[in-house]
C-alpha atoms as a PDB file:
ATOM      1  CA  MET A   1       0.118  -0.049   0.117  1.00  0.00           C
ATOM      2  CA  ASN A   2       1.293   3.338  -1.035  1.00  0.00           C
ATOM      3  CA  LYS A   3       0.817   6.798   0.949  1.00  0.00           C
ATOM      4  CA  ARG A   4      -2.034   7.702  -2.003  1.00  0.00           C
ATOM      5  CA  GLU A   5      -4.131   3.987  -1.258  1.00  0.00           C
ATOM      6  CA  LEU A   6      -3.508   4.668   2.337  1.00  0.00           C
ATOM      7  CA  ALA A   7      -5.022   8.312   2.284  1.00  0.00           C
ATOM      8  CA  LYS A   8      -7.752   7.069   0.973  1.00  0.00           C
ATOM      9  CA  VAL A   9      -8.797   4.242   3.383  1.00  0.00           C
ATOM     10  CA  TYR A  10      -7.864   7.353   5.966  1.00  0.00           C
ATOM     11  CA  LYS A  11     -10.778   9.680   3.854  1.00  0.00           C
ATOM     12  CA  LYS A  12     -13.262   6.818   4.144  1.00  0.00           C
ATOM     13  CA  ARG A  13     -12.645   6.724   7.871  1.00  0.00           C
ATOM     14  CA  HIS A  14     -12.371  10.367   8.463  1.00  0.00           C
ATOM     15  CA  SER A  15     -15.368  11.713  10.487  1.00  0.00           C
ATOM     16  CA  SER A  16     -15.628  15.272   8.185  1.00  0.00           C
ATOM     17  CA  ASN A  17     -17.162  14.179   4.582  1.00  0.00           C
ATOM     18  CA  ASN A  18     -14.958  17.858   3.232  1.00  0.00           C
ATOM     19  CA  LEU A  19     -11.248  15.662   3.528  1.00  0.00           C
ATOM     20  CA  THR A  20      -9.633  15.389   0.049  1.00  0.00           C
ATOM     21  CA  VAL A  21      -7.234  12.926  -0.840  1.00  0.00           C
ATOM     22  CA  LYS A  22      -4.880  16.067  -1.369  1.00  0.00           C
ATOM     23  CA  LYS A  23      -4.836  16.972   2.424  1.00  0.00           C
ATOM     24  CA  ALA A  24      -5.776  13.340   3.389  1.00  0.00           C
ATOM     25  CA  VAL A  25      -1.767  13.158   1.947  1.00  0.00           C
ATOM     26  CA  GLU A  26      -0.738  16.054   3.745  1.00  0.00           C
ATOM     27  CA  GLU A  27      -2.173  14.800   6.944  1.00  0.00           C
ATOM     28  CA  ILE A  28      -0.041  11.587   7.003  1.00  0.00           C
ATOM     29  CA  THR A  29       2.954  13.149   5.861  1.00  0.00           C
ATOM     30  CA  GLU A  30       3.081  15.633   8.610  1.00  0.00           C
ATOM     31  CA  PHE A  31       1.839  12.530  10.975  1.00  0.00           C
ATOM     32  CA  LEU A  32       5.631  10.270  10.014  1.00  0.00           C
ATOM     33  CA  GLU A  33       7.624  13.752   9.695  1.00  0.00           C
ATOM     34  CA  THR A  34       6.171  13.974  13.443  1.00  0.00           C
ATOM     35  CA  VAL A  35       7.035  10.019  14.528  1.00  0.00           C
ATOM     36  CA  LYS A  36      10.483  10.237  12.721  1.00  0.00           C
ATOM     37  CA  GLU A  37      11.472  13.393  14.289  1.00  0.00           C
ATOM     38  CA  ALA A  38      10.247  11.545  17.791  1.00  0.00           C
ATOM     39  CA  ILE A  39      12.616   8.523  17.294  1.00  0.00           C
ATOM     40  CA  ALA A  40      15.588  10.796  16.511  1.00  0.00           C
ATOM     41  CA  LEU A  41      15.270  12.272  19.651  1.00  0.00           C
ATOM     42  CA  ASP A  42      14.116   9.303  22.003  1.00  0.00           C
ATOM     43  CA  GLY A  43      15.069   6.315  20.468  1.00  0.00           C
ATOM     44  CA  GLU A  44      11.612   4.801  19.843  1.00  0.00           C
ATOM     45  CA  VAL A  45       8.149   6.159  20.121  1.00  0.00           C
ATOM     46  CA  ARG A  46       5.338   3.586  21.390  1.00  0.00           C
ATOM     47  CA  PHE A  47       1.654   3.840  20.701  1.00  0.00           C
ATOM     48  CA  PRO A  48      -0.316   1.588  23.020  1.00  0.00           C
ATOM     49  CA  LYS A  49      -2.316  -1.372  22.113  1.00  0.00           C
ATOM     50  CA  ARG A  50      -0.787  -1.135  18.287  1.00  0.00           C
ATOM     51  CA  GLY A  51       3.289  -1.240  18.553  1.00  0.00           C
ATOM     52  CA  ALA A  52       6.216   0.636  18.724  1.00  0.00           C
ATOM     53  CA  PHE A  53       9.059   1.948  16.069  1.00  0.00           C
ATOM     54  CA  GLU A  54      12.878   1.742  17.746  1.00  0.00           C
ATOM     55  CA  ILE A  55      16.017   2.194  16.389  1.00  0.00           C
ATOM     56  CA  LEU A  56      17.878  -0.645  15.273  1.00  0.00           C
ATOM     57  CA  ILE A  57      21.543  -1.234  14.824  1.00  0.00           C
ATOM     58  CA  ARG A  58      22.918  -3.280  12.715  1.00  0.00           C
ATOM     59  CA  LYS A  59      26.447  -4.354  13.467  1.00  0.00           C
ATOM     60  CA  PRO A  60      29.145  -4.076  10.465  1.00  0.00           C
ATOM     61  CA  ARG A  61      29.856  -7.492   8.265  1.00  0.00           C
ATOM     62  CA  VAL A  62      32.268  -8.759   6.014  1.00  0.00           C
ATOM     63  CA  VAL A  63      30.657  -9.972   2.704  1.00  0.00           C
ATOM     64  CA  SER A  64      32.312 -10.493  -0.785  1.00  0.00           C
ATOM     65  CA  ASN A  65      31.628  -9.367  -4.294  1.00  0.00           C
ATOM     66  CA  PRO A  66      30.123 -12.518  -6.094  1.00  0.00           C
ATOM     67  CA  VAL A  67      31.673 -11.907  -9.113  1.00  0.00           C
ATOM     68  CA  THR A  68      35.369 -10.665  -7.986  1.00  0.00           C
ATOM     69  CA  ARG A  69      34.986 -13.057  -4.766  1.00  0.00           C
ATOM     70  CA  GLU A  70      36.902  -9.315  -2.965  1.00  0.00           C
ATOM     71  CA  GLN A  71      36.186  -9.466   0.609  1.00  0.00           C
ATOM     72  CA  MET A  72      34.230  -5.524   1.838  1.00  0.00           C
ATOM     73  CA  GLU A  73      33.266  -4.021   4.696  1.00  0.00           C
ATOM     74  CA  ILE A  74      30.018  -3.435   5.418  1.00  0.00           C
ATOM     75  CA  TYR A  75      30.055  -0.504   7.547  1.00  0.00           C
ATOM     76  CA  PRO A  76      27.176  -0.192  10.996  1.00  0.00           C
ATOM     77  CA  LYS A  77      23.982   1.600   9.920  1.00  0.00           C
ATOM     78  CA  LYS A  78      21.083   2.344  12.153  1.00  0.00           C
ATOM     79  CA  THR A  79      17.538   1.322  10.764  1.00  0.00           C
ATOM     80  CA  VAL A  80      14.313   1.884  11.819  1.00  0.00           C
ATOM     81  CA  ARG A  81      11.684  -1.225  13.309  1.00  0.00           C
ATOM     82  CA  PHE A  82       8.201  -1.642  13.658  1.00  0.00           C
ATOM     83  CA  ARG A  83       7.449  -3.826  16.307  1.00  0.00           C
ATOM     84  CA  ALA A  84       3.488  -4.902  16.294  1.00  0.00           C
ATOM     85  CA  SER A  85       1.901  -5.582  19.813  1.00  0.00           C
ATOM     86  CA  LYS A  86       0.689  -8.927  21.032  1.00  0.00           C
ATOM     87  CA  LYS A  87      -3.023  -7.508  20.272  1.00  0.00           C
ATOM     88  CA  MET A  88      -2.079  -6.175  16.435  1.00  0.00           C
ATOM     89  CA  LYS A  89      -0.855 -10.171  15.447  1.00  0.00           C
END
């Protein structure tokens, strides 16, 4: 599901009838930016009975190029993970 499809679902569930898809996309984008800033500040964002977004730190690892068999190191990086609550599963 992309952001536009999500906006259409949001529009259907919204109580106001004058909400456009464009306005719904803006609201969704604003919400995602807020969550992104909160994760950067605190390291995780929890939604009760829904789940949690948290930062996952991946360790560095050594891989080989399949063509040249040269060993390369992949540097550590941070990713965001959503962990659903037991009620969502």
